[in-house]
Amino acid sequence: MNCRAHLPAFAVFLACCPALGAETAKPTPLCLNPAETREAISRNKFTDPAAALRSAAAVAHADPLRSRLCRLKDDYIYEITLLRRDGKVMRVLIRADDGSLVDERTKL
């Protein structure tokens, strides 16, 4: 049996593997630009992004860097970036409607 005959099929399989695994990957948030953020906050009566940023920084004992309003599936979340005291950057996800922390294990 000629192994070279199976090599192209195996190469195609390896090339398709990332696409096949994309369905099981975590959904990535789609973040809004500043104009869309202002409109969504006023239309949906979300919590204040500055308050969410301050509270996340206080809980994590970190310095706030930025917050962005993003869509994750059908929910709006604030993606908050913080700088920890040890110099590491961390990301916290907070629900925009009630200000609660999004658990990474929770399926939104």
N, C-alpha and C. Protein backbone atom coordinates (compact mmCIF):
# COMPACT_ATOMS: atom_id res chain seq x y z
N MET A 1 0.85 -1.18 0.00
CA MET A 1 0.00 0.00 0.00
C MET A 1 0.89 1.24 0.00
N ASN A 2 0.57 2.17 -0.82
CA ASN A 2 1.38 3.37 -0.99
C ASN A 2 0.93 4.44 0.01
N CYS A 3 1.82 4.83 0.90
CA CYS A 3 1.49 5.84 1.91
C CYS A 3 1.36 7.22 1.31
N ARG A 4 2.00 7.46 0.19
CA ARG A 4 1.95 8.78 -0.44
C ARG A 4 0.54 9.09 -0.96
N ALA A 5 -0.22 8.08 -1.26
CA ALA A 5 -1.57 8.29 -1.76
C ALA A 5 -2.48 8.84 -0.66
N HIS A 6 -2.18 8.53 0.60
CA HIS A 6 -3.00 9.01 1.71
C HIS A 6 -2.56 10.37 2.23
N LEU A 7 -1.38 10.81 1.84
CA LEU A 7 -0.85 12.06 2.34
C LEU A 7 -1.70 13.27 1.97
N PRO A 8 -2.16 13.43 0.71
CA PRO A 8 -3.00 14.59 0.40
C PRO A 8 -4.32 14.59 1.19
N ALA A 9 -4.92 13.44 1.38
CA ALA A 9 -6.17 13.38 2.14
C ALA A 9 -5.94 13.77 3.59
N PHE A 10 -4.81 13.33 4.14
CA PHE A 10 -4.48 13.68 5.52
C PHE A 10 -4.21 15.18 5.65
N ALA A 11 -3.57 15.78 4.65
CA ALA A 11 -3.29 17.21 4.67
C ALA A 11 -4.59 18.01 4.63
N VAL A 12 -5.55 17.56 3.84
CA VAL A 12 -6.85 18.23 3.78
C VAL A 12 -7.55 18.12 5.13
N PHE A 13 -7.46 16.95 5.76
CA PHE A 13 -8.08 16.76 7.07
C PHE A 13 -7.47 17.71 8.10
N LEU A 14 -6.16 17.85 8.10
CA LEU A 14 -5.50 18.75 9.05
C LEU A 14 -5.87 20.20 8.79
N ALA A 15 -6.03 20.56 7.52
CA ALA A 15 -6.40 21.93 7.18
C ALA A 15 -7.82 22.25 7.63
N CYS A 16 -8.69 21.25 7.65
CA CYS A 16 -10.08 21.46 8.03
C CYS A 16 -10.31 21.37 9.53
N CYS A 17 -9.37 20.84 10.28
CA CYS A 17 -9.57 20.65 11.72
C CYS A 17 -9.91 21.94 12.46
N PRO A 18 -9.21 23.08 12.21
CA PRO A 18 -9.60 24.30 12.93
C PRO A 18 -11.04 24.72 12.62
N ALA A 19 -11.47 24.54 11.38
CA ALA A 19 -12.84 24.91 11.02
C ALA A 19 -13.84 23.98 11.69
N LEU A 20 -13.50 22.72 11.81
CA LEU A 20 -14.41 21.78 12.45
C LEU A 20 -14.52 22.06 13.94
N GLY A 21 -13.45 22.48 14.57
CA GLY A 21 -13.46 22.76 16.00
C GLY A 21 -14.03 24.12 16.34
N ALA A 22 -14.31 24.94 15.35
CA ALA A 22 -14.80 26.30 15.61
C ALA A 22 -16.17 26.29 16.28
N GLU A 23 -16.95 25.25 16.07
CA GLU A 23 -18.28 25.20 16.67
C GLU A 23 -18.21 25.02 18.17
N THR A 24 -17.20 24.37 18.67
CA THR A 24 -17.10 24.12 20.10
C THR A 24 -16.33 25.22 20.83
N ALA A 25 -15.77 26.16 20.10
CA ALA A 25 -15.01 27.24 20.73
C ALA A 25 -15.96 28.19 21.45
N LYS A 26 -15.41 28.92 22.43
CA LYS A 26 -16.21 29.90 23.15
C LYS A 26 -16.66 31.00 22.20
N PRO A 27 -17.87 31.49 22.36
CA PRO A 27 -18.31 32.60 21.52
C PRO A 27 -17.54 33.86 21.90
N THR A 28 -17.13 34.62 20.91
CA THR A 28 -16.41 35.85 21.19
C THR A 28 -17.37 37.03 21.17
N PRO A 29 -17.18 37.95 22.09
CA PRO A 29 -18.06 39.11 22.12
C PRO A 29 -17.84 40.01 20.91
N LEU A 30 -18.91 40.60 20.42
CA LEU A 30 -18.85 41.57 19.34
C LEU A 30 -19.05 42.94 19.98
N CYS A 31 -17.99 43.73 20.05
CA CYS A 31 -18.05 45.00 20.78
C CYS A 31 -18.56 46.13 19.90
N LEU A 32 -19.29 47.04 20.53
CA LEU A 32 -19.90 48.16 19.84
C LEU A 32 -18.94 49.35 19.83
N ASN A 33 -19.10 50.22 18.83
CA ASN A 33 -18.31 51.44 18.80
C ASN A 33 -18.94 52.46 19.76
N PRO A 34 -18.28 53.58 20.05
CA PRO A 34 -18.83 54.53 21.03
C PRO A 34 -20.23 55.05 20.72
N ALA A 35 -20.53 55.33 19.47
CA ALA A 35 -21.86 55.82 19.11
C ALA A 35 -22.93 54.75 19.36
N GLU A 36 -22.64 53.53 18.95
CA GLU A 36 -23.57 52.42 19.18
C GLU A 36 -23.73 52.15 20.68
N THR A 37 -22.65 52.31 21.43
CA THR A 37 -22.71 52.11 22.89
C THR A 37 -23.64 53.12 23.53
N ARG A 38 -23.49 54.39 23.19
CA ARG A 38 -24.38 55.43 23.75
C ARG A 38 -25.84 55.15 23.42
N GLU A 39 -26.11 54.75 22.18
CA GLU A 39 -27.48 54.45 21.76
C GLU A 39 -28.04 53.25 22.51
N ALA A 40 -27.25 52.19 22.63
CA ALA A 40 -27.72 50.98 23.31
C ALA A 40 -27.97 51.24 24.79
N ILE A 41 -27.12 52.02 25.44
CA ILE A 41 -27.30 52.32 26.86
C ILE A 41 -28.57 53.14 27.08
N SER A 42 -28.80 54.14 26.24
CA SER A 42 -30.00 54.97 26.41
C SER A 42 -31.27 54.21 26.06
N ARG A 43 -31.21 53.34 25.06
CA ARG A 43 -32.38 52.59 24.63
C ARG A 43 -32.75 51.49 25.62
N ASN A 44 -31.76 50.79 26.17
CA ASN A 44 -32.02 49.63 27.01
C ASN A 44 -31.90 49.89 28.50
N LYS A 45 -31.52 51.10 28.89
CA LYS A 45 -31.39 51.46 30.32
C LYS A 45 -30.41 50.55 31.04
N PHE A 46 -29.23 50.36 30.44
CA PHE A 46 -28.19 49.54 31.07
C PHE A 46 -27.56 50.28 32.23
N THR A 47 -26.83 49.53 33.06
CA THR A 47 -26.09 50.16 34.16
C THR A 47 -25.02 51.06 33.58
N ASP A 48 -24.60 52.03 34.37
CA ASP A 48 -23.60 52.99 33.95
C ASP A 48 -22.25 52.28 33.75
N PRO A 49 -21.62 52.45 32.58
CA PRO A 49 -20.36 51.75 32.35
C PRO A 49 -19.24 52.21 33.30
N ALA A 50 -19.25 53.48 33.68
CA ALA A 50 -18.22 53.96 34.61
C ALA A 50 -18.39 53.32 35.98
N ALA A 51 -19.64 53.14 36.42
CA ALA A 51 -19.89 52.49 37.70
C ALA A 51 -19.48 51.02 37.66
N ALA A 52 -19.76 50.35 36.55
CA ALA A 52 -19.35 48.95 36.40
C ALA A 52 -17.84 48.83 36.40
N LEU A 53 -17.16 49.77 35.77
CA LEU A 53 -15.70 49.77 35.73
C LEU A 53 -15.12 49.97 37.13
N ARG A 54 -15.66 50.93 37.87
CA ARG A 54 -15.17 51.20 39.23
C ARG A 54 -15.42 50.03 40.17
N SER A 55 -16.60 49.43 40.09
CA SER A 55 -16.91 48.33 40.99
C SER A 55 -16.06 47.09 40.68
N ALA A 56 -15.83 46.82 39.41
CA ALA A 56 -14.97 45.68 39.04
C ALA A 56 -13.54 45.92 39.51
N ALA A 57 -13.07 47.14 39.40
CA ALA A 57 -11.71 47.47 39.84
C ALA A 57 -11.58 47.33 41.35
N ALA A 58 -12.62 47.75 42.08
CA ALA A 58 -12.57 47.66 43.54
C ALA A 58 -12.60 46.21 44.01
N VAL A 59 -13.42 45.40 43.39
CA VAL A 59 -13.52 43.99 43.78
C VAL A 59 -12.23 43.24 43.46
N ALA A 60 -11.62 43.53 42.30
CA ALA A 60 -10.42 42.81 41.87
C ALA A 60 -9.14 43.42 42.45
N HIS A 61 -9.26 44.53 43.15
CA HIS A 61 -8.08 45.24 43.67
C HIS A 61 -7.10 45.53 42.53
N ALA A 62 -7.64 46.15 41.48
CA ALA A 62 -6.86 46.43 40.28
C ALA A 62 -7.19 47.82 39.78
N ASP A 63 -6.35 48.32 38.90
CA ASP A 63 -6.58 49.63 38.29
C ASP A 63 -7.39 49.46 37.01
N PRO A 64 -8.43 50.27 36.84
CA PRO A 64 -9.25 50.15 35.64
C PRO A 64 -8.53 50.70 34.42
N LEU A 65 -8.63 50.00 33.31
CA LEU A 65 -8.04 50.46 32.05
C LEU A 65 -9.10 50.91 31.06
N ARG A 66 -10.10 50.05 30.80
CA ARG A 66 -11.18 50.43 29.87
C ARG A 66 -12.38 49.52 30.05
N SER A 67 -13.50 50.00 29.55
CA SER A 67 -14.70 49.16 29.48
C SER A 67 -15.31 49.34 28.10
N ARG A 68 -15.85 48.24 27.58
CA ARG A 68 -16.51 48.26 26.29
C ARG A 68 -17.83 47.52 26.41
N LEU A 69 -18.84 48.01 25.73
CA LEU A 69 -20.12 47.32 25.67
C LEU A 69 -20.07 46.37 24.48
N CYS A 70 -20.36 45.09 24.75
CA CYS A 70 -20.28 44.07 23.71
C CYS A 70 -21.54 43.22 23.73
N ARG A 71 -21.79 42.57 22.62
CA ARG A 71 -22.87 41.57 22.53
C ARG A 71 -22.26 40.20 22.60
N LEU A 72 -22.82 39.37 23.44
CA LEU A 72 -22.40 37.98 23.55
C LEU A 72 -23.66 37.14 23.42
N LYS A 73 -23.82 36.52 22.26
CA LYS A 73 -25.07 35.84 21.90
C LYS A 73 -26.19 36.87 21.92
N ASP A 74 -27.21 36.70 22.80
CA ASP A 74 -28.33 37.64 22.84
C ASP A 74 -28.22 38.64 23.99
N ASP A 75 -27.15 38.60 24.75
CA ASP A 75 -26.99 39.47 25.91
C ASP A 75 -25.96 40.56 25.64
N TYR A 76 -26.12 41.66 26.36
CA TYR A 76 -25.13 42.72 26.35
C TYR A 76 -24.27 42.57 27.60
N ILE A 77 -22.96 42.73 27.42
CA ILE A 77 -22.04 42.65 28.54
C ILE A 77 -21.06 43.82 28.45
N TYR A 78 -20.51 44.18 29.61
CA TYR A 78 -19.37 45.09 29.62
C TYR A 78 -18.12 44.24 29.72
N GLU A 79 -17.21 44.44 28.79
CA GLU A 79 -15.91 43.79 28.85
C GLU A 79 -14.96 44.79 29.50
N ILE A 80 -14.55 44.50 30.71
CA ILE A 80 -13.76 45.43 31.49
C ILE A 80 -12.33 44.91 31.59
N THR A 81 -11.39 45.76 31.25
CA THR A 81 -9.98 45.42 31.30
C THR A 81 -9.36 46.11 32.50
N LEU A 82 -8.65 45.32 33.32
CA LEU A 82 -8.05 45.82 34.56
C LEU A 82 -6.57 45.48 34.59
N LEU A 83 -5.80 46.32 35.27
CA LEU A 83 -4.38 46.07 35.48
C LEU A 83 -4.18 45.72 36.94
N ARG A 84 -3.77 44.47 37.17
CA ARG A 84 -3.57 44.02 38.55
C ARG A 84 -2.29 44.63 39.11
N ARG A 85 -2.16 44.57 40.42
CA ARG A 85 -0.99 45.15 41.08
C ARG A 85 0.30 44.41 40.74
N ASP A 86 0.20 43.15 40.31
CA ASP A 86 1.40 42.41 39.93
C ASP A 86 1.79 42.66 38.47
N GLY A 87 1.08 43.57 37.79
CA GLY A 87 1.41 43.94 36.42
C GLY A 87 0.68 43.16 35.34
N LYS A 88 -0.14 42.19 35.73
CA LYS A 88 -0.87 41.39 34.74
C LYS A 88 -2.19 42.07 34.40
N VAL A 89 -2.58 41.92 33.16
CA VAL A 89 -3.84 42.47 32.68
C VAL A 89 -4.89 41.38 32.76
N MET A 90 -6.07 41.74 33.28
CA MET A 90 -7.16 40.76 33.37
C MET A 90 -8.41 41.34 32.74
N ARG A 91 -9.29 40.45 32.31
CA ARG A 91 -10.55 40.84 31.69
C ARG A 91 -11.69 40.29 32.51
N VAL A 92 -12.67 41.16 32.78
CA VAL A 92 -13.85 40.79 33.56
C VAL A 92 -15.07 41.08 32.69
N LEU A 93 -16.02 40.16 32.70
CA LEU A 93 -17.26 40.34 31.95
C LEU A 93 -18.40 40.57 32.93
N ILE A 94 -19.14 41.67 32.73
CA ILE A 94 -20.25 42.03 33.61
C ILE A 94 -21.49 42.23 32.75
N ARG A 95 -22.61 41.68 33.20
CA ARG A 95 -23.87 41.86 32.46
C ARG A 95 -24.27 43.33 32.50
N ALA A 96 -24.62 43.86 31.36
CA ALA A 96 -24.97 45.28 31.27
C ALA A 96 -26.33 45.57 31.87
N ASP A 97 -27.24 44.60 31.86
CA ASP A 97 -28.60 44.89 32.34
C ASP A 97 -28.68 44.95 33.86
N ASP A 98 -27.96 44.08 34.58
CA ASP A 98 -28.09 44.10 36.04
C ASP A 98 -26.76 44.30 36.78
N GLY A 99 -25.64 44.34 36.06
CA GLY A 99 -24.35 44.59 36.69
C GLY A 99 -23.75 43.38 37.38
N SER A 100 -24.28 42.19 37.15
CA SER A 100 -23.73 40.99 37.79
C SER A 100 -22.56 40.44 36.98
N LEU A 101 -21.69 39.74 37.67
CA LEU A 101 -20.51 39.16 37.05
C LEU A 101 -20.91 37.96 36.20
N VAL A 102 -20.35 37.87 35.00
CA VAL A 102 -20.61 36.73 34.13
C VAL A 102 -19.62 35.64 34.49
N ASP A 103 -20.13 34.50 34.85
CA ASP A 103 -19.29 33.35 35.16
C ASP A 103 -18.87 32.74 33.84
N GLU A 104 -17.58 32.50 33.68
CA GLU A 104 -17.08 31.93 32.43
C GLU A 104 -17.70 30.58 32.13
N ARG A 105 -18.11 29.84 33.16
CA ARG A 105 -18.71 28.52 32.93
C ARG A 105 -20.16 28.62 32.53
N THR A 106 -20.79 29.78 32.76
CA THR A 106 -22.20 29.95 32.43
C THR A 106 -22.36 30.13 30.93
N LYS A 107 -23.27 29.43 30.35
CA LYS A 107 -23.57 29.57 28.94
C LYS A 107 -24.58 30.71 28.77
N LEU A 108 -24.19 31.75 28.07
CA LEU A 108 -25.11 32.86 27.84
C LEU A 108 -25.94 32.62 26.61
